[in-house]
Amino acid sequence: MTTFPVFLFRTLFCGAAVLLLITFAAAQDRETKVRNDRRDILEDGTWHYNDLAAVAEAAKTSGKPILVVFRCIPCEACAQLDEQIIERDETVRRIMQEYECARIVRMNGVDLAKFQFDYDQSFAAFLMNADGTIYGRYGTRSHQTEEEGDVAIEGFAATLQKGLLLHNLYPQNKAALTAKNQGDVPPVASAEKFPHLRKGDYGEELDYEGKVVKSCIHCHQVGESYRVSYRFDGKPIPENILFPYPHPKVLGLIMDPKTAATVEEVTPESAAAKAGVQSGDEILALNGQPILSMADIQWTLHHLKDEPSLAVTLLREGKLTKLEFPLPKGWKRTGDIS
């Protein structure tokens, strides 16, 4: 009979105990972060917390546009930008006063037909009218942890400024915003209704009286649920689900994150270079849609099918310029799906 070495047993036991303690500490840390976020934001008094209905009512009364920020609290990505927004960094302090602001830290109960973005992000913002019309989006990722090339407080401020301009022109410009409000048809109305998430017994709200972290549906769970729903039905996953919200860099557009939508660099020999896009060009519209941010560019790219080209309106050295942007075959599949 083989005897299990005592020292090995002790080593494995100690290792398991340490791992359990680390896991428990991490869970406690997440719990603390989520609860502290709610406490601090409610004390601040300038946000509607997890309450989209309230912010819409406030906007109807004040006549202001709406800023909705979705934020996954435990995630480190975009933490710096999020902190700057919460603390009303001087870059955005004045312009944010022109908005009714909502902070949403869960996907439970969120209308998936209305609020569509790259759900693998931990930060996303929507600029809207009180009637639900979306003016634009903000929030981009090209890396799981690094954010410097995608978002910046200066760019966020520039996007808010452009959103205010669209709001002041509304509803005369409503027709130009149509494509920004025609998203994909979701499999379910809200995330907790996905079949495999029902097992988690998620409600439409977070359970702050109990285990709040376990009650939260994260953004990335929504993205996963889209893919799982196709597998459950035995259907192939569509390209726009496998390669969602293509980053502009797949076409050779390196955007300046400190601006709303200005080209910082054009990759040589890329589709953008062949289309004639130049460094310093400010992208104003794609296929007639007003562009407020890099996320708006991604929204337009996401909803392209097999179109051979893209109509681009840009500002170059103070003059309006229009370009026909040829799209290479299979260009979406060059993106990173991780």
Protein backbone atom coordinates (compact mmCIF):
# COMPACT_ATOMS: atom_id res chain seq x y z
CA MET A 1 0.00 0.00 0.00
CA THR A 2 1.40 3.37 -1.02
CA THR A 3 1.63 5.91 1.81
CA PHE A 4 0.84 9.51 0.92
CA PRO A 5 3.82 11.61 2.09
CA VAL A 6 2.89 13.76 5.09
CA PHE A 7 5.00 16.69 3.92
CA LEU A 8 3.27 16.64 0.53
CA PHE A 9 -0.15 16.56 2.18
CA ARG A 10 0.78 19.52 4.36
CA THR A 11 2.09 21.42 1.35
CA LEU A 12 -1.09 20.84 -0.64
CA PHE A 13 -3.28 21.68 2.36
CA CYS A 14 -1.40 24.91 3.06
CA GLY A 15 -1.51 25.87 -0.61
CA ALA A 16 -5.25 25.28 -0.77
CA ALA A 17 -5.78 27.28 2.41
CA VAL A 18 -3.78 30.22 1.06
CA LEU A 19 -5.70 30.11 -2.22
CA LEU A 20 -8.98 30.07 -0.32
CA LEU A 21 -7.93 33.07 1.76
CA ILE A 22 -6.84 34.99 -1.34
CA THR A 23 -10.15 34.23 -3.07
CA PHE A 24 -12.11 35.27 0.02
CA ALA A 25 -10.11 38.50 0.34
CA ALA A 26 -10.67 39.31 -3.35
CA ALA A 27 -14.41 38.73 -2.96
CA GLN A 28 -14.46 40.98 0.08
CA ASP A 29 -12.52 43.62 -1.83
CA ARG A 30 -15.03 43.55 -4.71
CA GLU A 31 -17.88 43.76 -2.23
CA THR A 32 -16.28 46.78 -0.58
CA LYS A 33 -15.65 48.52 -3.89
CA VAL A 34 -19.23 48.06 -5.07
CA ARG A 35 -20.76 49.24 -1.80
CA ASN A 36 -18.37 52.18 -1.44
CA ASP A 37 -19.09 53.30 -5.00
CA ARG A 38 -22.81 53.50 -4.26
CA ARG A 39 -22.21 55.31 -0.96
CA ASP A 40 -19.83 57.87 -2.46
CA ILE A 41 -21.91 58.61 -5.57
CA LEU A 42 -25.12 59.03 -3.60
CA GLU A 43 -23.34 61.37 -1.19
CA ASP A 44 -22.04 63.36 -4.16
CA GLY A 45 -25.62 64.05 -5.22
CA THR A 46 -24.92 64.88 -8.88
CA TRP A 47 -25.68 61.42 -10.32
CA HIS A 48 -28.76 59.27 -10.70
CA TYR A 49 -27.46 55.92 -9.47
CA ASN A 50 -28.67 52.78 -11.26
CA ASP A 51 -31.82 54.69 -12.22
CA LEU A 52 -32.38 55.32 -15.93
CA ALA A 53 -36.03 56.27 -15.44
CA ALA A 54 -35.12 59.01 -12.97
CA VAL A 55 -32.48 60.57 -15.20
CA ALA A 56 -34.93 60.62 -18.12
CA GLU A 57 -37.53 62.42 -15.99
CA ALA A 58 -34.91 64.90 -14.79
CA ALA A 59 -33.90 65.63 -18.40
CA LYS A 60 -37.51 66.18 -19.44
CA THR A 61 -37.84 68.75 -16.67
CA SER A 62 -34.51 70.55 -17.20
CA GLY A 63 -34.30 70.26 -20.99
CA LYS A 64 -30.71 69.04 -20.67
CA PRO A 65 -29.21 66.10 -22.58
CA ILE A 66 -28.46 62.87 -20.71
CA LEU A 67 -25.08 61.29 -19.98
CA VAL A 68 -25.29 57.61 -19.04
CA VAL A 69 -22.08 55.96 -17.84
CA PHE A 70 -21.89 52.17 -17.59
CA ARG A 71 -19.06 51.06 -15.33
CA CYS A 72 -17.91 47.62 -14.14
CA ILE A 73 -16.64 48.49 -10.65
CA PRO A 74 -14.08 45.73 -9.96
CA CYS A 75 -12.37 46.09 -13.35
CA GLU A 76 -9.15 48.11 -13.47
CA ALA A 77 -9.43 49.07 -17.15
CA CYS A 78 -10.50 52.72 -17.53
CA ALA A 79 -10.33 53.21 -13.75
CA GLN A 80 -8.34 56.43 -14.14
CA LEU A 81 -10.82 57.94 -16.61
CA ASP A 82 -13.73 56.86 -14.44
CA GLU A 83 -12.19 58.50 -11.38
CA GLN A 84 -11.58 61.74 -13.29
CA ILE A 85 -15.22 61.81 -14.40
CA ILE A 86 -16.59 61.09 -10.92
CA GLU A 87 -14.39 63.75 -9.34
CA ARG A 88 -15.41 66.23 -12.05
CA ASP A 89 -11.89 66.87 -13.31
CA GLU A 90 -11.51 70.50 -14.34
CA THR A 91 -11.36 69.33 -17.97
CA VAL A 92 -15.00 68.19 -17.82
CA ARG A 93 -16.44 70.06 -14.83
CA ARG A 94 -18.17 72.84 -16.78
CA ILE A 95 -19.49 70.73 -19.64
CA MET A 96 -20.83 68.00 -17.34
CA GLN A 97 -23.02 70.60 -15.65
CA GLU A 98 -24.90 70.82 -18.95
CA TYR A 99 -25.96 67.16 -18.65
CA GLU A 100 -28.26 65.11 -16.44
CA CYS A 101 -25.96 62.27 -15.39
CA ALA A 102 -26.65 58.62 -14.60
CA ARG A 103 -24.20 56.00 -13.37
CA ILE A 104 -25.10 52.36 -14.02
CA VAL A 105 -22.94 49.67 -12.41
CA ARG A 106 -24.86 46.55 -13.46
CA MET A 107 -26.42 45.15 -16.62
CA ASN A 108 -29.41 43.70 -14.75
CA GLY A 109 -32.64 45.18 -16.07
CA VAL A 110 -30.92 47.23 -18.79
CA ASP A 111 -32.73 47.48 -22.15
CA LEU A 112 -30.43 45.57 -24.52
CA ALA A 113 -32.20 46.94 -27.57
CA LYS A 114 -31.32 50.49 -26.50
CA PHE A 115 -27.93 50.20 -24.80
CA GLN A 116 -25.64 48.37 -27.18
CA PHE A 117 -21.84 48.56 -27.06
CA ASP A 118 -18.79 46.32 -26.91
CA TYR A 119 -19.79 44.42 -23.78
CA ASP A 120 -16.22 43.29 -23.18
CA GLN A 121 -15.47 46.87 -22.12
CA SER A 122 -15.63 47.92 -18.48
CA PHE A 123 -16.62 51.51 -19.34
CA ALA A 124 -19.09 52.90 -21.85
CA ALA A 125 -20.97 56.19 -22.06
CA PHE A 126 -24.10 57.26 -23.95
CA LEU A 127 -25.15 60.82 -24.81
CA MET A 128 -28.91 60.98 -25.22
CA ASN A 129 -32.10 62.98 -25.43
CA ALA A 130 -34.82 62.57 -22.81
CA ASP A 131 -36.97 60.85 -25.45
CA GLY A 132 -34.36 58.07 -25.74
CA THR A 133 -32.67 59.21 -28.94
CA ILE A 134 -28.94 58.50 -28.81
CA TYR A 135 -26.63 61.30 -29.94
CA GLY A 136 -23.40 59.38 -29.54
CA ARG A 137 -21.30 56.93 -27.59
CA TYR A 138 -17.93 57.02 -25.84
CA GLY A 139 -15.59 54.23 -24.73
CA THR A 140 -13.18 52.09 -26.71
CA ARG A 141 -10.83 49.21 -26.00
CA SER A 142 -7.98 47.75 -28.01
CA HIS A 143 -6.28 46.08 -25.04
CA GLN A 144 -7.63 44.32 -21.95
CA THR A 145 -5.77 46.54 -19.47
CA GLU A 146 -4.10 49.44 -21.28
CA GLU A 147 -6.33 52.42 -22.08
CA GLU A 148 -3.95 55.24 -23.01
CA GLY A 149 -4.42 54.91 -26.76
CA ASP A 150 -8.20 54.64 -26.60
CA VAL A 151 -9.62 57.02 -24.00
CA ALA A 152 -8.61 60.25 -22.29
CA ILE A 153 -10.42 62.84 -20.22
CA GLU A 154 -9.71 65.48 -22.90
CA GLY A 155 -11.34 63.33 -25.56
CA PHE A 156 -14.31 62.65 -23.31
CA ALA A 157 -14.76 66.40 -22.81
CA ALA A 158 -14.60 66.99 -26.57
CA THR A 159 -17.26 64.32 -27.12
CA LEU A 160 -19.53 65.90 -24.50
CA GLN A 161 -19.12 69.26 -26.24
CA LYS A 162 -20.14 67.77 -29.59
CA GLY A 163 -23.07 66.02 -27.93
CA LEU A 164 -24.28 69.34 -26.58
CA LEU A 165 -24.17 70.80 -30.10
CA LEU A 166 -26.33 67.94 -31.42
CA HIS A 167 -28.74 68.42 -28.52
CA ASN A 168 -29.12 72.11 -29.32
CA LEU A 169 -30.03 71.21 -32.92
CA TYR A 170 -32.52 68.51 -31.93
CA PRO A 171 -35.10 67.55 -33.23
CA GLN A 172 -34.26 69.20 -36.55
CA ASN A 173 -31.34 66.76 -36.91
CA LYS A 174 -33.26 63.64 -35.83
CA ALA A 175 -33.18 62.05 -39.29
CA ALA A 176 -29.36 62.14 -39.31
CA LEU A 177 -29.36 60.20 -36.03
CA THR A 178 -31.54 57.34 -37.29
CA ALA A 179 -28.70 54.88 -37.92
CA LYS A 180 -27.27 55.60 -34.48
CA ASN A 181 -30.49 54.28 -32.98
CA GLN A 182 -30.97 51.17 -35.12
CA GLY A 183 -29.01 48.44 -33.39
CA ASP A 184 -29.00 44.66 -33.50
CA VAL A 185 -32.09 42.79 -32.33
CA PRO A 186 -31.09 41.20 -29.00
CA PRO A 187 -32.08 37.59 -28.19
CA VAL A 188 -33.71 38.79 -24.94
CA ALA A 189 -35.01 42.10 -23.61
CA SER A 190 -32.55 42.28 -20.70
CA ALA A 191 -29.57 40.24 -19.54
CA GLU A 192 -31.21 38.36 -16.65
CA LYS A 193 -33.55 36.76 -19.21
CA PHE A 194 -30.75 34.88 -21.01
CA PRO A 195 -31.55 31.16 -20.40
CA HIS A 196 -28.19 30.23 -18.89
CA LEU A 197 -28.19 33.31 -16.61
CA ARG A 198 -31.58 32.42 -15.14
CA LYS A 199 -29.80 29.73 -13.13
CA GLY A 200 -28.03 32.50 -11.24
CA ASP A 201 -31.40 33.83 -10.07
CA TYR A 202 -30.46 37.38 -11.06
CA GLY A 203 -33.01 40.12 -10.48
CA GLU A 204 -33.44 43.45 -12.24
CA GLU A 205 -31.66 45.25 -9.39
CA LEU A 206 -28.60 44.59 -7.26
CA ASP A 207 -29.08 43.02 -3.84
CA TYR A 208 -27.48 45.61 -1.57
CA GLU A 209 -29.17 43.98 1.43
CA GLY A 210 -27.43 40.68 0.71
CA LYS A 211 -24.61 39.47 -1.52
CA VAL A 212 -24.42 42.42 -3.88
CA VAL A 213 -21.48 41.16 -5.96
CA LYS A 214 -23.14 37.81 -6.69
CA SER A 215 -26.33 39.61 -7.71
CA CYS A 216 -24.58 41.66 -10.43
CA ILE A 217 -24.56 40.80 -14.12
CA HIS A 218 -21.34 42.18 -15.55
CA CYS A 219 -20.99 43.68 -19.03
CA HIS A 220 -18.76 40.84 -20.22
CA GLN A 221 -21.44 38.32 -19.22
CA VAL A 222 -23.77 39.94 -21.75
CA GLY A 223 -21.22 39.52 -24.54
CA GLU A 224 -20.66 35.90 -23.53
CA SER A 225 -24.42 35.33 -23.41
CA TYR A 226 -24.85 36.48 -26.99
CA ARG A 227 -22.33 33.88 -28.13
CA VAL A 228 -23.74 31.15 -25.89
CA SER A 229 -27.28 31.74 -27.18
CA TYR A 230 -26.15 30.84 -30.71
CA ARG A 231 -24.38 27.71 -29.45
CA PHE A 232 -27.50 26.62 -27.56
CA ASP A 233 -29.53 26.96 -30.75
CA GLY A 234 -26.90 25.09 -32.76
CA LYS A 235 -26.41 28.07 -35.05
CA PRO A 236 -23.14 29.55 -36.34
CA ILE A 237 -22.07 32.70 -34.53
CA PRO A 238 -22.47 35.70 -36.89
CA GLU A 239 -19.41 37.72 -37.86
CA ASN A 240 -20.63 40.83 -36.06
CA ILE A 241 -20.83 38.83 -32.82
CA LEU A 242 -17.40 37.23 -33.28
CA PHE A 243 -15.77 40.49 -34.39
CA PRO A 244 -17.84 43.21 -32.73
CA TYR A 245 -17.17 46.93 -32.96
CA PRO A 246 -14.01 46.88 -35.10
CA HIS A 247 -11.30 49.23 -33.87
CA PRO A 248 -10.44 51.95 -36.42
CA LYS A 249 -6.83 50.77 -36.43
CA VAL A 250 -7.85 47.66 -38.43
CA LEU A 251 -8.36 50.07 -41.33
CA GLY A 252 -5.18 52.01 -40.58
CA LEU A 253 -6.79 54.84 -38.60
CA ILE A 254 -4.83 55.68 -35.46
CA MET A 255 -7.06 58.13 -33.61
CA ASP A 256 -5.95 60.78 -31.12
CA PRO A 257 -7.67 59.85 -27.81
CA LYS A 258 -7.36 63.44 -26.56
CA THR A 259 -9.79 64.58 -29.27
CA ALA A 260 -13.31 63.60 -30.22
CA ALA A 261 -12.42 62.00 -33.56
CA THR A 262 -9.20 63.40 -35.02
CA VAL A 263 -6.76 61.17 -36.89
CA GLU A 264 -3.36 61.12 -35.21
CA GLU A 265 -1.64 58.83 -37.69
CA VAL A 266 -2.41 56.80 -40.80
CA THR A 267 -0.76 53.41 -41.16
CA PRO A 268 1.23 53.24 -44.42
CA GLU A 269 -0.27 51.03 -47.15
CA SER A 270 -3.48 50.64 -45.12
CA ALA A 271 -7.05 51.07 -46.33
CA ALA A 272 -7.08 54.54 -44.76
CA ALA A 273 -3.90 55.52 -46.57
CA LYS A 274 -5.30 54.30 -49.89
CA ALA A 275 -8.52 56.25 -49.25
CA GLY A 276 -6.52 59.46 -48.83
CA VAL A 277 -7.08 60.05 -45.12
CA GLN A 278 -4.36 62.22 -43.56
CA SER A 279 -2.99 62.89 -40.11
CA GLY A 280 -4.88 65.80 -38.55
CA ASP A 281 -8.15 65.06 -40.34
CA GLU A 282 -11.18 65.40 -38.07
CA ILE A 283 -13.85 62.85 -38.93
CA LEU A 284 -17.24 64.57 -38.86
CA ALA A 285 -19.51 61.91 -40.37
CA LEU A 286 -19.51 58.34 -41.68
CA ASN A 287 -22.27 57.34 -44.09
CA GLY A 288 -24.06 60.50 -42.99
CA GLN A 289 -23.93 59.68 -39.26
CA PRO A 290 -22.48 62.48 -37.08
CA ILE A 291 -19.31 61.23 -35.37
CA LEU A 292 -18.68 62.29 -31.79
CA SER A 293 -15.99 59.80 -30.81
CA MET A 294 -13.96 56.74 -31.67
CA ALA A 295 -16.85 54.66 -30.29
CA ASP A 296 -19.15 56.26 -32.88
CA ILE A 297 -16.73 55.19 -35.60
CA GLN A 298 -16.87 51.66 -34.22
CA TRP A 299 -20.68 51.74 -34.14
CA THR A 300 -20.76 52.58 -37.84
CA LEU A 301 -18.15 49.94 -38.70
CA HIS A 302 -19.97 47.32 -36.62
CA HIS A 303 -23.16 47.72 -38.63
CA LEU A 304 -21.56 47.52 -42.06
CA LYS A 305 -22.37 44.33 -43.94
CA ASP A 306 -20.68 43.70 -47.28
CA GLU A 307 -20.54 47.32 -48.40
CA PRO A 308 -17.57 47.94 -50.71
CA SER A 309 -16.93 51.43 -49.37
CA LEU A 310 -17.69 54.00 -46.69
CA ALA A 311 -18.62 57.67 -47.21
CA VAL A 312 -16.41 59.89 -45.05
CA THR A 313 -16.92 63.59 -44.30
CA LEU A 314 -13.99 65.24 -42.58
CA LEU A 315 -12.51 68.59 -41.70
CA ARG A 316 -9.05 69.16 -43.16
CA GLU A 317 -7.22 72.41 -42.49
CA GLY A 318 -10.52 74.18 -41.88
CA LYS A 319 -12.23 72.88 -45.02
CA LEU A 320 -14.87 70.20 -45.45
CA THR A 321 -13.62 67.24 -47.45
CA LYS A 322 -15.52 64.17 -48.62
CA LEU A 323 -13.88 60.83 -49.36
CA GLU A 324 -15.01 57.45 -50.59
CA PHE A 325 -13.26 54.94 -48.33
CA PRO A 326 -12.83 51.53 -50.08
CA LEU A 327 -13.20 48.59 -47.68
CA PRO A 328 -10.95 45.55 -48.24
CA LYS A 329 -12.59 42.15 -48.46
CA GLY A 330 -12.74 40.41 -45.08
CA TRP A 331 -11.44 43.48 -43.23
CA LYS A 332 -13.47 42.80 -40.07
CA ARG A 333 -11.69 39.50 -39.50
CA THR A 334 -8.37 41.26 -39.05
CA GLY A 335 -9.54 42.57 -35.67
CA ASP A 336 -8.66 41.12 -32.27
CA ILE A 337 -11.55 39.10 -30.81
CA SER A 338 -9.95 38.55 -27.40
